[in-house]
Amino acid sequence: MLALAGILLLPAVPSIIMGVVRLLGFGPLGVVAGSVAAAVQSAVYGAFIPAGSLFAAMQSAGALGVAPLVLTVGASLGILGCVYLLLFKK
């Protein structure tokens, strides 16, 4: 039953990731004031966000409303790995 739930969860992975991106404070208009993202930017990066960094990818995802491919693929593979373990490892 858990394996079936994992398989059925796969199409929802991008939406779940975008929910987490928004929850962290990466919005369509940029980093949301008072959010976790704002605290990280203030403490770690300041005004300069390095191109290609995870923070930059999250900003792009928040602005575009599209989950980063690497996170989507990684989460999907993790779910499939769990499904495999539930079905075939005793």
C-alpha atoms as a PDB file:
ATOM      1  CA  MET A   1       0.000   0.000   0.000  1.00  0.00           C
ATOM      2  CA  LEU A   2       2.854   2.402   0.814  1.00  0.00           C
ATOM      3  CA  ALA A   3       4.496   1.555  -2.502  1.00  0.00           C
ATOM      4  CA  LEU A   4       1.332   2.501  -4.388  1.00  0.00           C
ATOM      5  CA  ALA A   5       1.134   5.749  -2.434  1.00  0.00           C
ATOM      6  CA  GLY A   6       4.736   6.509  -3.426  1.00  0.00           C
ATOM      7  CA  ILE A   7       4.035   5.906  -7.096  1.00  0.00           C
ATOM      8  CA  LEU A   8       0.899   8.046  -6.973  1.00  0.00           C
ATOM      9  CA  LEU A   9       2.901  10.821  -5.319  1.00  0.00           C
ATOM     10  CA  LEU A  10       5.320  11.199  -8.256  1.00  0.00           C
ATOM     11  CA  PRO A  11       3.172  13.558 -10.357  1.00  0.00           C
ATOM     12  CA  ALA A  12       2.780  15.838  -7.334  1.00  0.00           C
ATOM     13  CA  VAL A  13       6.538  16.205  -6.720  1.00  0.00           C
ATOM     14  CA  PRO A  14       6.943  19.516  -8.625  1.00  0.00           C
ATOM     15  CA  SER A  15       3.971  21.048  -6.788  1.00  0.00           C
ATOM     16  CA  ILE A  16       5.291  19.886  -3.426  1.00  0.00           C
ATOM     17  CA  ILE A  17       8.719  21.337  -4.189  1.00  0.00           C
ATOM     18  CA  MET A  18       7.165  24.659  -5.230  1.00  0.00           C
ATOM     19  CA  GLY A  19       5.190  24.678  -1.988  1.00  0.00           C
ATOM     20  CA  VAL A  20       8.434  24.318  -0.042  1.00  0.00           C
ATOM     21  CA  VAL A  21      10.118  27.022  -2.168  1.00  0.00           C
ATOM     22  CA  ARG A  22       7.256  29.420  -1.401  1.00  0.00           C
ATOM     23  CA  LEU A  23       7.189  28.400   2.273  1.00  0.00           C
ATOM     24  CA  LEU A  24      10.886  29.265   2.588  1.00  0.00           C
ATOM     25  CA  GLY A  25      10.164  32.743   1.233  1.00  0.00           C
ATOM     26  CA  PHE A  26      11.098  32.676  -2.453  1.00  0.00           C
ATOM     27  CA  GLY A  27       8.181  34.476  -4.080  1.00  0.00           C
ATOM     28  CA  PRO A  28       7.264  35.682  -7.568  1.00  0.00           C
ATOM     29  CA  LEU A  29       8.517  39.181  -6.717  1.00  0.00           C
ATOM     30  CA  GLY A  30      11.727  38.026  -5.035  1.00  0.00           C
ATOM     31  CA  VAL A  31      12.723  37.100  -1.516  1.00  0.00           C
ATOM     32  CA  VAL A  32       9.894  37.755   0.943  1.00  0.00           C
ATOM     33  CA  ALA A  33      10.811  40.062   3.841  1.00  0.00           C
ATOM     34  CA  GLY A  34      11.007  38.299   7.200  1.00  0.00           C
ATOM     35  CA  SER A  35      11.239  34.828   5.666  1.00  0.00           C
ATOM     36  CA  VAL A  36      13.836  32.092   6.061  1.00  0.00           C
ATOM     37  CA  ALA A  37      15.163  33.046   2.618  1.00  0.00           C
ATOM     38  CA  ALA A  38      15.587  36.665   3.724  1.00  0.00           C
ATOM     39  CA  ALA A  39      17.483  35.569   6.843  1.00  0.00           C
ATOM     40  CA  VAL A  40      19.813  33.342   4.809  1.00  0.00           C
ATOM     41  CA  GLN A  41      20.409  36.056   2.237  1.00  0.00           C
ATOM     42  CA  SER A  42      21.203  38.581   4.958  1.00  0.00           C
ATOM     43  CA  ALA A  43      23.494  36.260   6.923  1.00  0.00           C
ATOM     44  CA  VAL A  44      25.289  34.492   4.077  1.00  0.00           C
ATOM     45  CA  TYR A  45      25.086  36.424   0.822  1.00  0.00           C
ATOM     46  CA  GLY A  46      24.081  40.030   1.347  1.00  0.00           C
ATOM     47  CA  ALA A  47      23.394  41.812  -1.928  1.00  0.00           C
ATOM     48  CA  PHE A  48      25.578  39.482  -4.047  1.00  0.00           C
ATOM     49  CA  ILE A  49      24.056  36.114  -4.932  1.00  0.00           C
ATOM     50  CA  PRO A  50      26.532  33.936  -6.869  1.00  0.00           C
ATOM     51  CA  ALA A  51      25.216  32.704 -10.202  1.00  0.00           C
ATOM     52  CA  GLY A  52      24.620  28.960 -10.163  1.00  0.00           C
ATOM     53  CA  SER A  53      24.262  28.764  -6.373  1.00  0.00           C
ATOM     54  CA  LEU A  54      21.405  26.905  -4.714  1.00  0.00           C
ATOM     55  CA  PHE A  55      20.082  30.245  -3.474  1.00  0.00           C
ATOM     56  CA  ALA A  56      20.028  31.597  -7.046  1.00  0.00           C
ATOM     57  CA  ALA A  57      18.216  28.462  -8.242  1.00  0.00           C
ATOM     58  CA  MET A  58      15.624  28.867  -5.508  1.00  0.00           C
ATOM     59  CA  GLN A  59      15.158  32.552  -6.419  1.00  0.00           C
ATOM     60  CA  SER A  60      14.598  31.572 -10.048  1.00  0.00           C
ATOM     61  CA  ALA A  61      12.147  28.852  -9.047  1.00  0.00           C
ATOM     62  CA  GLY A  62      10.207  31.274  -6.875  1.00  0.00           C
ATOM     63  CA  ALA A  63      10.111  33.949  -9.570  1.00  0.00           C
ATOM     64  CA  LEU A  64       9.190  31.599 -12.406  1.00  0.00           C
ATOM     65  CA  GLY A  65       6.933  29.279 -10.428  1.00  0.00           C
ATOM     66  CA  VAL A  66       8.754  26.228 -11.772  1.00  0.00           C
ATOM     67  CA  ALA A  67      10.469  23.653  -9.558  1.00  0.00           C
ATOM     68  CA  PRO A  68      14.202  23.228 -10.236  1.00  0.00           C
ATOM     69  CA  LEU A  69      14.765  20.137 -12.370  1.00  0.00           C
ATOM     70  CA  VAL A  70      17.533  18.772 -10.161  1.00  0.00           C
ATOM     71  CA  LEU A  71      15.273  18.866  -7.081  1.00  0.00           C
ATOM     72  CA  THR A  72      12.366  17.317  -8.965  1.00  0.00           C
ATOM     73  CA  VAL A  73      14.488  14.490 -10.352  1.00  0.00           C
ATOM     74  CA  GLY A  74      16.231  13.933  -7.015  1.00  0.00           C
ATOM     75  CA  ALA A  75      12.969  13.767  -5.073  1.00  0.00           C
ATOM     76  CA  SER A  76      11.421  11.475  -7.674  1.00  0.00           C
ATOM     77  CA  LEU A  77      14.389   9.110  -7.543  1.00  0.00           C
ATOM     78  CA  GLY A  78      14.203   9.091  -3.761  1.00  0.00           C
ATOM     79  CA  ILE A  79      10.533   8.143  -3.887  1.00  0.00           C
ATOM     80  CA  LEU A  80      11.199   5.418  -6.454  1.00  0.00           C
ATOM     81  CA  GLY A  81      14.028   4.077  -4.277  1.00  0.00           C
ATOM     82  CA  CYS A  82      11.658   3.856  -1.313  1.00  0.00           C
ATOM     83  CA  VAL A  83       9.051   2.115  -3.489  1.00  0.00           C
ATOM     84  CA  TYR A  84      11.682  -0.406  -4.591  1.00  0.00           C
ATOM     85  CA  LEU A  85      12.707  -1.107  -1.004  1.00  0.00           C
ATOM     86  CA  LEU A  86       9.090  -1.528   0.061  1.00  0.00           C
ATOM     87  CA  LEU A  87       8.311  -3.926  -2.784  1.00  0.00           C
ATOM     88  CA  PHE A  88      11.438  -6.004  -3.202  1.00  0.00           C
ATOM     89  CA  LYS A  89      13.526  -5.955  -0.030  1.00  0.00           C
ATOM     90  CA  LYS A  90      12.310  -8.253   2.694  1.00  0.00           C
END
